Amino acid sequence: MLGRRALAVLAASILAGCGGVHAATRCSLELQPAGGRIKASFSGTDGELVLVHEGHVKWRGTGKRVFWLDDYRGADTVMVRVTAPDGKVCSAQRTLRNNY
């Protein structure tokens, strides 16, 4: 039978083998309808950003904070995920519901 310390060491070694555990950072995503388009504004940590709109990667890179997207029929779901240089991860998701 393993003691608590042995279980903690085992768990830490398993997590380290999977890339380690990094704390999440705070971020936000705002969506605004704008004449048949969507203005998506991201705020949070700097790093490698991936923006996904309706399941499709629309942008991948660094430095950009405001995105213009097509407004599809029905609800639009947008997600961002940022990986900072120190490995911390931030993600946010919003759904914009429209009336047509």
PDB file of N, CA and C in Angstrom:
ATOM      1  N   MET A   1       0.842  -1.184   0.000  1.00  0.00           N
ATOM      2  CA  MET A   1       0.000   0.000   0.000  1.00  0.00           C
ATOM      3  C   MET A   1       0.885   1.243   0.000  1.00  0.00           C
ATOM      4  N   LEU A   2       0.562   2.197  -0.856  1.00  0.00           N
ATOM      5  CA  LEU A   2       1.338   3.418  -0.962  1.00  0.00           C
ATOM      6  C   LEU A   2       0.858   4.449   0.053  1.00  0.00           C
ATOM      7  N   GLY A   3       1.796   5.165   0.624  1.00  0.00           N
ATOM      8  CA  GLY A   3       1.454   6.244   1.541  1.00  0.00           C
ATOM      9  C   GLY A   3       1.096   7.504   0.775  1.00  0.00           C
ATOM     10  N   ARG A   4       0.671   8.546   1.486  1.00  0.00           N
ATOM     11  CA  ARG A   4       0.280   9.804   0.851  1.00  0.00           C
ATOM     12  C   ARG A   4       1.429  10.435   0.086  1.00  0.00           C
ATOM     13  N   ARG A   5       2.605  10.423   0.695  1.00  0.00           N
ATOM     14  CA  ARG A   5       3.769  11.025   0.036  1.00  0.00           C
ATOM     15  C   ARG A   5       4.097  10.283  -1.263  1.00  0.00           C
ATOM     16  N   ALA A   6       4.061   8.972  -1.236  1.00  0.00           N
ATOM     17  CA  ALA A   6       4.359   8.184  -2.434  1.00  0.00           C
ATOM     18  C   ALA A   6       3.320   8.453  -3.521  1.00  0.00           C
ATOM     19  N   LEU A   7       2.057   8.576  -3.135  1.00  0.00           N
ATOM     20  CA  LEU A   7       1.012   8.882  -4.117  1.00  0.00           C
ATOM     21  C   LEU A   7       1.216  10.270  -4.719  1.00  0.00           C
ATOM     22  N   ALA A   8       1.625  11.224  -3.890  1.00  0.00           N
ATOM     23  CA  ALA A   8       1.872  12.579  -4.382  1.00  0.00           C
ATOM     24  C   ALA A   8       3.027  12.596  -5.369  1.00  0.00           C
ATOM     25  N   VAL A   9       4.094  11.867  -5.073  1.00  0.00           N
ATOM     26  CA  VAL A   9       5.242  11.794  -5.978  1.00  0.00           C
ATOM     27  C   VAL A   9       4.843  11.115  -7.279  1.00  0.00           C
ATOM     28  N   LEU A  10       4.066  10.054  -7.191  1.00  0.00           N
ATOM     29  CA  LEU A  10       3.602   9.342  -8.378  1.00  0.00           C
ATOM     30  C   LEU A  10       2.734  10.257  -9.243  1.00  0.00           C
ATOM     31  N   ALA A  11       1.813  10.962  -8.636  1.00  0.00           N
ATOM     32  CA  ALA A  11       0.937  11.872  -9.373  1.00  0.00           C
ATOM     33  C   ALA A  11       1.746  12.984 -10.032  1.00  0.00           C
ATOM     34  N   ALA A  12       2.717  13.533  -9.319  1.00  0.00           N
ATOM     35  CA  ALA A  12       3.550  14.603  -9.877  1.00  0.00           C
ATOM     36  C   ALA A  12       4.355  14.100 -11.067  1.00  0.00           C
ATOM     37  N   SER A  13       4.877  12.893 -10.979  1.00  0.00           N
ATOM     38  CA  SER A  13       5.672  12.373 -12.088  1.00  0.00           C
ATOM     39  C   SER A  13       4.798  12.078 -13.303  1.00  0.00           C
ATOM     40  N   ILE A  14       3.577  11.623 -13.096  1.00  0.00           N
ATOM     41  CA  ILE A  14       2.654  11.386 -14.214  1.00  0.00           C
ATOM     42  C   ILE A  14       2.308  12.701 -14.888  1.00  0.00           C
ATOM     43  N   LEU A  15       1.996  13.735 -14.104  1.00  0.00           N
ATOM     44  CA  LEU A  15       1.656  15.036 -14.665  1.00  0.00           C
ATOM     45  C   LEU A  15       2.839  15.642 -15.397  1.00  0.00           C
ATOM     46  N   ALA A  16       4.032  15.488 -14.851  1.00  0.00           N
ATOM     47  CA  ALA A  16       5.220  16.034 -15.509  1.00  0.00           C
ATOM     48  C   ALA A  16       5.442  15.352 -16.850  1.00  0.00           C
ATOM     49  N   GLY A  17       5.143  14.083 -16.937  1.00  0.00           N
ATOM     50  CA  GLY A  17       5.280  13.360 -18.196  1.00  0.00           C
ATOM     51  C   GLY A  17       4.280  13.801 -19.238  1.00  0.00           C
ATOM     52  N   CYS A  18       3.208  14.434 -18.813  1.00  0.00           N
ATOM     53  CA  CYS A  18       2.171  14.898 -19.743  1.00  0.00           C
ATOM     54  C   CYS A  18       2.331  16.379 -20.072  1.00  0.00           C
ATOM     55  N   GLY A  19       3.484  16.927 -19.769  1.00  0.00           N
ATOM     56  CA  GLY A  19       3.710  18.331 -20.101  1.00  0.00           C
ATOM     57  C   GLY A  19       3.590  19.246 -18.907  1.00  0.00           C
ATOM     58  N   GLY A  20       3.272  18.715 -17.741  1.00  0.00           N
ATOM     59  CA  GLY A  20       3.206  19.543 -16.546  1.00  0.00           C
ATOM     60  C   GLY A  20       1.880  20.255 -16.415  1.00  0.00           C
ATOM     61  N   VAL A  21       1.724  20.926 -15.312  1.00  0.00           N
ATOM     62  CA  VAL A  21       0.509  21.670 -15.026  1.00  0.00           C
ATOM     63  C   VAL A  21       0.859  23.142 -14.986  1.00  0.00           C
ATOM     64  N   HIS A  22       0.143  23.944 -15.718  1.00  0.00           N
ATOM     65  CA  HIS A  22       0.371  25.383 -15.740  1.00  0.00           C
ATOM     66  C   HIS A  22      -0.898  26.078 -15.271  1.00  0.00           C
ATOM     67  N   ALA A  23      -0.723  27.080 -14.462  1.00  0.00           N
ATOM     68  CA  ALA A  23      -1.871  27.830 -13.964  1.00  0.00           C
ATOM     69  C   ALA A  23      -2.534  28.593 -15.104  1.00  0.00           C
ATOM     70  N   ALA A  24      -3.816  28.699 -15.046  1.00  0.00           N
ATOM     71  CA  ALA A  24      -4.552  29.475 -16.039  1.00  0.00           C
ATOM     72  C   ALA A  24      -4.470  30.950 -15.685  1.00  0.00           C
ATOM     73  N   THR A  25      -4.538  31.798 -16.678  1.00  0.00           N
ATOM     74  CA  THR A  25      -4.562  33.232 -16.450  1.00  0.00           C
ATOM     75  C   THR A  25      -5.937  33.752 -16.831  1.00  0.00           C
ATOM     76  N   ARG A  26      -6.242  34.957 -16.413  1.00  0.00           N
ATOM     77  CA  ARG A  26      -7.550  35.532 -16.671  1.00  0.00           C
ATOM     78  C   ARG A  26      -7.556  36.238 -18.024  1.00  0.00           C
ATOM     79  N   CYS A  27      -8.667  36.074 -18.720  1.00  0.00           N
ATOM     80  CA  CYS A  27      -8.839  36.758 -19.990  1.00  0.00           C
ATOM     81  C   CYS A  27     -10.326  36.914 -20.258  1.00  0.00           C
ATOM     82  N   SER A  28     -10.642  37.712 -21.269  1.00  0.00           N
ATOM     83  CA  SER A  28     -12.053  37.881 -21.612  1.00  0.00           C
ATOM     84  C   SER A  28     -12.201  38.050 -23.118  1.00  0.00           C
ATOM     85  N   LEU A  29     -13.387  37.753 -23.590  1.00  0.00           N
ATOM     86  CA  LEU A  29     -13.732  37.873 -24.997  1.00  0.00           C
ATOM     87  C   LEU A  29     -15.088  38.559 -25.071  1.00  0.00           C
ATOM     88  N   GLU A  30     -15.166  39.632 -25.835  1.00  0.00           N
ATOM     89  CA  GLU A  30     -16.421  40.360 -26.028  1.00  0.00           C
ATOM     90  C   GLU A  30     -16.823  40.277 -27.493  1.00  0.00           C
ATOM     91  N   LEU A  31     -18.101  40.030 -27.752  1.00  0.00           N
ATOM     92  CA  LEU A  31     -18.630  39.974 -29.114  1.00  0.00           C
ATOM     93  C   LEU A  31     -19.681  41.058 -29.289  1.00  0.00           C
ATOM     94  N   GLN A  32     -19.604  41.771 -30.427  1.00  0.00           N
ATOM     95  CA  GLN A  32     -20.580  42.819 -30.720  1.00  0.00           C
ATOM     96  C   GLN A  32     -21.022  42.695 -32.174  1.00  0.00           C
ATOM     97  N   PRO A  33     -22.341  42.673 -32.427  1.00  0.00           N
ATOM     98  CA  PRO A  33     -22.807  42.673 -33.813  1.00  0.00           C
ATOM     99  C   PRO A  33     -22.505  44.027 -34.449  1.00  0.00           C
ATOM    100  N   ALA A  34     -22.119  44.013 -35.725  1.00  0.00           N
ATOM    101  CA  ALA A  34     -21.760  45.257 -36.404  1.00  0.00           C
ATOM    102  C   ALA A  34     -22.105  45.150 -37.890  1.00  0.00           C
ATOM    103  N   GLY A  35     -23.369  45.384 -38.227  1.00  0.00           N
ATOM    104  CA  GLY A  35     -23.782  45.435 -39.626  1.00  0.00           C
ATOM    105  C   GLY A  35     -23.459  44.190 -40.439  1.00  0.00           C
ATOM    106  N   GLY A  36     -23.895  43.036 -39.995  1.00  0.00           N
ATOM    107  CA  GLY A  36     -23.652  41.800 -40.715  1.00  0.00           C
ATOM    108  C   GLY A  36     -22.302  41.157 -40.410  1.00  0.00           C
ATOM    109  N   ARG A  37     -21.552  41.765 -39.533  1.00  0.00           N
ATOM    110  CA  ARG A  37     -20.263  41.225 -39.104  1.00  0.00           C
ATOM    111  C   ARG A  37     -20.251  41.162 -37.585  1.00  0.00           C
ATOM    112  N   ILE A  38     -19.219  40.543 -37.038  1.00  0.00           N
ATOM    113  CA  ILE A  38     -19.043  40.462 -35.586  1.00  0.00           C
ATOM    114  C   ILE A  38     -17.681  41.033 -35.248  1.00  0.00           C
ATOM    115  N   LYS A  39     -17.672  41.938 -34.283  1.00  0.00           N
ATOM    116  CA  LYS A  39     -16.413  42.457 -33.755  1.00  0.00           C
ATOM    117  C   LYS A  39     -16.097  41.654 -32.498  1.00  0.00           C
ATOM    118  N   ALA A  40     -15.006  40.908 -32.532  1.00  0.00           N
ATOM    119  CA  ALA A  40     -14.566  40.104 -31.387  1.00  0.00           C
ATOM    120  C   ALA A  40     -13.343  40.780 -30.793  1.00  0.00           C
ATOM    121  N   SER A  41     -13.437  41.164 -29.513  1.00  0.00           N
ATOM    122  CA  SER A  41     -12.334  41.845 -28.826  1.00  0.00           C
ATOM    123  C   SER A  41     -11.826  40.975 -27.694  1.00  0.00           C
ATOM    124  N   PHE A  42     -10.524  40.711 -27.708  1.00  0.00           N
ATOM    125  CA  PHE A  42      -9.888  39.875 -26.697  1.00  0.00           C
ATOM    126  C   PHE A  42      -9.058  40.736 -25.766  1.00  0.00           C
ATOM    127  N   SER A  43      -9.115  40.436 -24.464  1.00  0.00           N
ATOM    128  CA  SER A  43      -8.204  41.070 -23.511  1.00  0.00           C
ATOM    129  C   SER A  43      -7.685  40.006 -22.565  1.00  0.00           C
ATOM    130  N   GLY A  44      -6.405  40.091 -22.277  1.00  0.00           N
ATOM    131  CA  GLY A  44      -5.781  39.108 -21.398  1.00  0.00           C
ATOM    132  C   GLY A  44      -4.295  39.025 -21.652  1.00  0.00           C
ATOM    133  N   THR A  45      -3.733  37.882 -21.358  1.00  0.00           N
ATOM    134  CA  THR A  45      -2.301  37.677 -21.459  1.00  0.00           C
ATOM    135  C   THR A  45      -1.793  37.722 -22.900  1.00  0.00           C
ATOM    136  N   ASP A  46      -0.532  38.080 -23.076  1.00  0.00           N
ATOM    137  CA  ASP A  46       0.105  38.038 -24.390  1.00  0.00           C
ATOM    138  C   ASP A  46       0.617  36.633 -24.646  1.00  0.00           C
ATOM    139  N   GLY A  47       0.658  36.242 -25.900  1.00  0.00           N
ATOM    140  CA  GLY A  47       1.186  34.933 -26.259  1.00  0.00           C
ATOM    141  C   GLY A  47       0.617  34.466 -27.582  1.00  0.00           C
ATOM    142  N   GLU A  48       0.750  33.188 -27.846  1.00  0.00           N
ATOM    143  CA  GLU A  48       0.251  32.573 -29.079  1.00  0.00           C
ATOM    144  C   GLU A  48      -1.265  32.410 -28.962  1.00  0.00           C
ATOM    145  N   LEU A  49      -2.007  33.108 -29.807  1.00  0.00           N
ATOM    146  CA  LEU A  49      -3.462  33.122 -29.741  1.00  0.00           C
ATOM    147  C   LEU A  49      -4.056  32.326 -30.893  1.00  0.00           C
ATOM    148  N   VAL A  50      -5.075  31.545 -30.587  1.00  0.00           N
ATOM    149  CA  VAL A  50      -5.854  30.838 -31.599  1.00  0.00           C
ATOM    150  C   VAL A  50      -7.299  31.279 -31.445  1.00  0.00           C
ATOM    151  N   LEU A  51      -7.908  31.740 -32.539  1.00  0.00           N
ATOM    152  CA  LEU A  51      -9.306  32.154 -32.530  1.00  0.00           C
ATOM    153  C   LEU A  51     -10.091  31.166 -33.388  1.00  0.00           C
ATOM    154  N   VAL A  52     -11.157  30.616 -32.819  1.00  0.00           N
ATOM    155  CA  VAL A  52     -12.000  29.642 -33.506  1.00  0.00           C
ATOM    156  C   VAL A  52     -13.417  30.203 -33.590  1.00  0.00           C
ATOM    157  N   HIS A  53     -13.972  30.206 -34.806  1.00  0.00           N
ATOM    158  CA  HIS A  53     -15.341  30.680 -35.031  1.00  0.00           C
ATOM    159  C   HIS A  53     -16.132  29.544 -35.649  1.00  0.00           C
ATOM    160  N   GLU A  54     -17.159  29.105 -34.958  1.00  0.00           N
ATOM    161  CA  GLU A  54     -18.011  28.009 -35.421  1.00  0.00           C
ATOM    162  C   GLU A  54     -17.198  26.760 -35.796  1.00  0.00           C
ATOM    163  N   GLY A  55     -16.219  26.434 -34.961  1.00  0.00           N
ATOM    164  CA  GLY A  55     -15.445  25.204 -35.137  1.00  0.00           C
ATOM    165  C   GLY A  55     -14.303  25.284 -36.135  1.00  0.00           C
ATOM    166  N   HIS A  56     -14.068  26.462 -36.714  1.00  0.00           N
ATOM    167  CA  HIS A  56     -13.002  26.626 -37.703  1.00  0.00           C
ATOM    168  C   HIS A  56     -11.979  27.641 -37.198  1.00  0.00           C
ATOM    169  N   VAL A  57     -10.699  27.303 -37.294  1.00  0.00           N
ATOM    170  CA  VAL A  57      -9.649  28.242 -36.896  1.00  0.00           C
ATOM    171  C   VAL A  57      -9.653  29.398 -37.881  1.00  0.00           C
ATOM    172  N   LYS A  58      -9.874  30.606 -37.361  1.00  0.00           N
ATOM    173  CA  LYS A  58      -9.925  31.798 -38.198  1.00  0.00           C
ATOM    174  C   LYS A  58      -8.640  32.613 -38.115  1.00  0.00           C
ATOM    175  N   TRP A  59      -7.896  32.454 -37.010  1.00  0.00           N
ATOM    176  CA  TRP A  59      -6.650  33.207 -36.870  1.00  0.00           C
ATOM    177  C   TRP A  59      -5.755  32.515 -35.863  1.00  0.00           C
ATOM    178  N   ARG A  60      -4.452  32.531 -36.151  1.00  0.00           N
ATOM    179  CA  ARG A  60      -3.454  31.971 -35.241  1.00  0.00           C
ATOM    180  C   ARG A  60      -2.229  32.873 -35.332  1.00  0.00           C
ATOM    181  N   GLY A  61      -1.764  33.353 -34.182  1.00  0.00           N
ATOM    182  CA  GLY A  61      -0.590  34.223 -34.186  1.00  0.00           C
ATOM    183  C   GLY A  61      -0.456  34.976 -32.881  1.00  0.00           C
ATOM    184  N   THR A  62       0.272  36.086 -32.913  1.00  0.00           N
ATOM    185  CA  THR A  62       0.490  36.894 -31.714  1.00  0.00           C
ATOM    186  C   THR A  62       0.179  38.352 -32.010  1.00  0.00           C
ATOM    187  N   GLY A  63      -0.106  39.097 -30.948  1.00  0.00           N
ATOM    188  CA  GLY A  63      -0.232  40.541 -31.047  1.00  0.00           C
ATOM    189  C   GLY A  63      -1.592  41.093 -31.402  1.00  0.00           C
ATOM    190  N   LYS A  64      -2.439  40.339 -32.045  1.00  0.00           N
ATOM    191  CA  LYS A  64      -3.735  40.857 -32.477  1.00  0.00           C
ATOM    192  C   LYS A  64      -4.754  40.748 -31.346  1.00  0.00           C
ATOM    193  N   ARG A  65      -5.602  41.776 -31.175  1.00  0.00           N
ATOM    194  CA  ARG A  65      -6.593  41.812 -30.098  1.00  0.00           C
ATOM    195  C   ARG A  65      -8.021  42.000 -30.573  1.00  0.00           C
ATOM    196  N   VAL A  66      -8.215  42.494 -31.793  1.00  0.00           N
ATOM    197  CA  VAL A  66      -9.551  42.744 -32.335  1.00  0.00           C
ATOM    198  C   VAL A  66      -9.665  41.992 -33.664  1.00  0.00           C
ATOM    199  N   PHE A  67     -10.782  41.291 -33.827  1.00  0.00           N
ATOM    200  CA  PHE A  67     -11.013  40.464 -35.005  1.00  0.00           C
ATOM    201  C   PHE A  67     -12.374  40.795 -35.585  1.00  0.00           C
ATOM    202  N   TRP A  68     -12.481  40.782 -36.913  1.00  0.00           N
ATOM    203  CA  TRP A  68     -13.757  40.965 -37.594  1.00  0.00           C
ATOM    204  C   TRP A  68     -14.125  39.648 -38.243  1.00  0.00           C
ATOM    205  N   LEU A  69     -15.320  39.159 -37.924  1.00  0.00           N
ATOM    206  CA  LEU A  69     -15.782  37.857 -38.398  1.00  0.00           C
ATOM    207  C   LEU A  69     -17.110  38.012 -39.120  1.00  0.00           C
ATOM    208  N   ASP A  70     -17.397  37.087 -40.047  1.00  0.00           N
ATOM    209  CA  ASP A  70     -18.709  37.057 -40.693  1.00  0.00           C
ATOM    210  C   ASP A  70     -19.749  36.632 -39.663  1.00  0.00           C
ATOM    211  N   ASP A  71     -20.918  37.246 -39.733  1.00  0.00           N
ATOM    212  CA  ASP A  71     -22.027  36.894 -38.839  1.00  0.00           C
ATOM    213  C   ASP A  71     -22.892  35.866 -39.552  1.00  0.00           C
ATOM    214  N   TYR A  72     -22.777  34.618 -39.139  1.00  0.00           N
ATOM    215  CA  TYR A  72     -23.542  33.541 -39.764  1.00  0.00           C
ATOM    216  C   TYR A  72     -24.992  33.569 -39.290  1.00  0.00           C
ATOM    217  N   ARG A  73     -25.837  32.895 -40.022  1.00  0.00           N
ATOM    218  CA  ARG A  73     -27.245  32.768 -39.651  1.00  0.00           C
ATOM    219  C   ARG A  73     -27.344  31.998 -38.335  1.00  0.00           C
ATOM    220  N   GLY A  74     -28.170  32.471 -37.416  1.00  0.00           N
ATOM    221  CA  GLY A  74     -28.305  31.823 -36.111  1.00  0.00           C
ATOM    222  C   GLY A  74     -27.226  32.277 -35.141  1.00  0.00           C
ATOM    223  N   ALA A  75     -27.055  31.512 -34.098  1.00  0.00           N
ATOM    224  CA  ALA A  75     -26.083  31.862 -33.059  1.00  0.00           C
ATOM    225  C   ALA A  75     -24.658  31.600 -33.551  1.00  0.00           C
ATOM    226  N   ASP A  76     -23.741  32.488 -33.191  1.00  0.00           N
ATOM    227  CA  ASP A  76     -22.325  32.338 -33.535  1.00  0.00           C
ATOM    228  C   ASP A  76     -21.528  32.095 -32.257  1.00  0.00           C
ATOM    229  N   THR A  77     -20.698  31.053 -32.258  1.00  0.00           N
ATOM    230  CA  THR A  77     -19.840  30.750 -31.115  1.00  0.00           C
ATOM    231  C   THR A  77     -18.396  31.034 -31.501  1.00  0.00           C
ATOM    232  N   VAL A  78     -17.730  31.813 -30.644  1.00  0.00           N
ATOM    233  CA  VAL A  78     -16.337  32.190 -30.861  1.00  0.00           C
ATOM    234  C   VAL A  78     -15.552  31.791 -29.620  1.00  0.00           C
ATOM    235  N   MET A  79     -14.349  31.233 -29.846  1.00  0.00           N
ATOM    236  CA  MET A  79     -13.493  30.809 -28.744  1.00  0.00           C
ATOM    237  C   MET A  79     -12.079  31.292 -29.018  1.00  0.00           C
ATOM    238  N   VAL A  80     -11.391  31.740 -27.958  1.00  0.00           N
ATOM    239  CA  VAL A  80      -9.970  32.062 -28.053  1.00  0.00           C
ATOM    240  C   VAL A  80      -9.215  31.264 -27.004  1.00  0.00           C
ATOM    241  N   ARG A  81      -7.981  30.914 -27.352  1.00  0.00           N
ATOM    242  CA  ARG A  81      -7.082  30.238 -26.421  1.00  0.00           C
ATOM    243  C   ARG A  81      -5.708  30.853 -26.624  1.00  0.00           C
ATOM    244  N   VAL A  82      -5.110  31.306 -25.527  1.00  0.00           N
ATOM    245  CA  VAL A  82      -3.791  31.932 -25.581  1.00  0.00           C
ATOM    246  C   VAL A  82      -2.834  31.133 -24.712  1.00  0.00           C
ATOM    247  N   THR A  83      -1.672  30.825 -25.272  1.00  0.00           N
ATOM    248  CA  THR A  83      -0.611  30.188 -24.510  1.00  0.00           C
ATOM    249  C   THR A  83       0.512  31.201 -24.367  1.00  0.00           C
ATOM    250  N   ALA A  84       0.777  31.623 -23.126  1.00  0.00           N
ATOM    251  CA  ALA A  84       1.817  32.596 -22.836  1.00  0.00           C
ATOM    252  C   ALA A  84       3.196  31.948 -22.956  1.00  0.00           C
ATOM    253  N   PRO A  85       4.243  32.745 -23.116  1.00  0.00           N
ATOM    254  CA  PRO A  85       5.594  32.195 -23.210  1.00  0.00           C
ATOM    255  C   PRO A  85       5.998  31.342 -22.001  1.00  0.00           C
ATOM    256  N   ASP A  86       5.428  31.627 -20.829  1.00  0.00           N
ATOM    257  CA  ASP A  86       5.763  30.835 -19.639  1.00  0.00           C
ATOM    258  C   ASP A  86       4.911  29.578 -19.507  1.00  0.00           C
ATOM    259  N   GLY A  87       4.041  29.321 -20.513  1.00  0.00           N
ATOM    260  CA  GLY A  87       3.228  28.109 -20.519  1.00  0.00           C
ATOM    261  C   GLY A  87       1.844  28.265 -19.925  1.00  0.00           C
ATOM    262  N   LYS A  88       1.538  29.414 -19.326  1.00  0.00           N
ATOM    263  CA  LYS A  88       0.200  29.623 -18.780  1.00  0.00           C
ATOM    264  C   LYS A  88      -0.800  29.733 -19.920  1.00  0.00           C
ATOM    265  N   VAL A  89      -2.001  29.237 -19.662  1.00  0.00           N
ATOM    266  CA  VAL A  89      -3.029  29.175 -20.700  1.00  0.00           C
ATOM    267  C   VAL A  89      -4.253  29.973 -20.268  1.00  0.00           C
ATOM    268  N   CYS A  90      -4.837  30.658 -21.220  1.00  0.00           N
ATOM    269  CA  CYS A  90      -6.069  31.419 -21.002  1.00  0.00           C
ATOM    270  C   CYS A  90      -7.027  31.045 -22.121  1.00  0.00           C
ATOM    271  N   SER A  91      -8.265  30.796 -21.790  1.00  0.00           N
ATOM    272  CA  SER A  91      -9.254  30.550 -22.841  1.00  0.00           C
ATOM    273  C   SER A  91     -10.575  31.197 -22.461  1.00  0.00           C
ATOM    274  N   ALA A  92     -11.297  31.608 -23.478  1.00  0.00           N
ATOM    275  CA  ALA A  92     -12.610  32.228 -23.269  1.00  0.00           C
ATOM    276  C   ALA A  92     -13.496  31.865 -24.444  1.00  0.00           C
ATOM    277  N   GLN A  93     -14.769  31.713 -24.174  1.00  0.00           N
ATOM    278  CA  GLN A  93     -15.737  31.387 -25.217  1.00  0.00           C
ATOM    279  C   GLN A  93     -17.004  32.197 -24.999  1.00  0.00           C
ATOM    280  N   ARG A  94     -17.569  32.687 -26.097  1.00  0.00           N
ATOM    281  CA  ARG A  94     -18.820  33.449 -26.055  1.00  0.00           C
ATOM    282  C   ARG A  94     -19.696  33.017 -27.222  1.00  0.00           C
ATOM    283  N   THR A  95     -20.995  33.171 -27.031  1.00  0.00           N
ATOM    284  CA  THR A  95     -21.954  32.911 -28.093  1.00  0.00           C
ATOM    285  C   THR A  95     -22.784  34.176 -28.295  1.00  0.00           C
ATOM    286  N   LEU A  96     -22.857  34.612 -29.537  1.00  0.00           N
ATOM    287  CA  LEU A  96     -23.657  35.771 -29.902  1.00  0.00           C
ATOM    288  C   LEU A  96     -24.930  35.249 -30.558  1.00  0.00           C
ATOM    289  N   ARG A  97     -26.054  35.540 -29.961  1.00  0.00           N
ATOM    290  CA  ARG A  97     -27.340  35.098 -30.500  1.00  0.00           C
ATOM    291  C   ARG A  97     -27.957  36.258 -31.258  1.00  0.00           C
ATOM    292  N   ASN A  98     -28.425  35.984 -32.469  1.00  0.00           N
ATOM    293  CA  ASN A  98     -29.083  37.033 -33.233  1.00  0.00           C
ATOM    294  C   ASN A  98     -30.476  36.588 -33.644  1.00  0.00           C
ATOM    295  N   ASN A  99     -31.253  37.491 -34.193  1.00  0.00           N
ATOM    296  CA  ASN A  99     -32.677  37.246 -34.421  1.00  0.00           C
ATOM    297  C   ASN A  99     -33.035  36.770 -35.813  1.00  0.00           C
ATOM    298  N   TYR A 100     -32.083  36.433 -36.645  1.00  0.00           N
ATOM    299  CA  TYR A 100     -32.474  35.987 -37.992  1.00  0.00           C
ATOM    300  C   TYR A 100     -31.974  34.597 -38.252  1.00  0.00           C
TER     301      TYR A 100
END
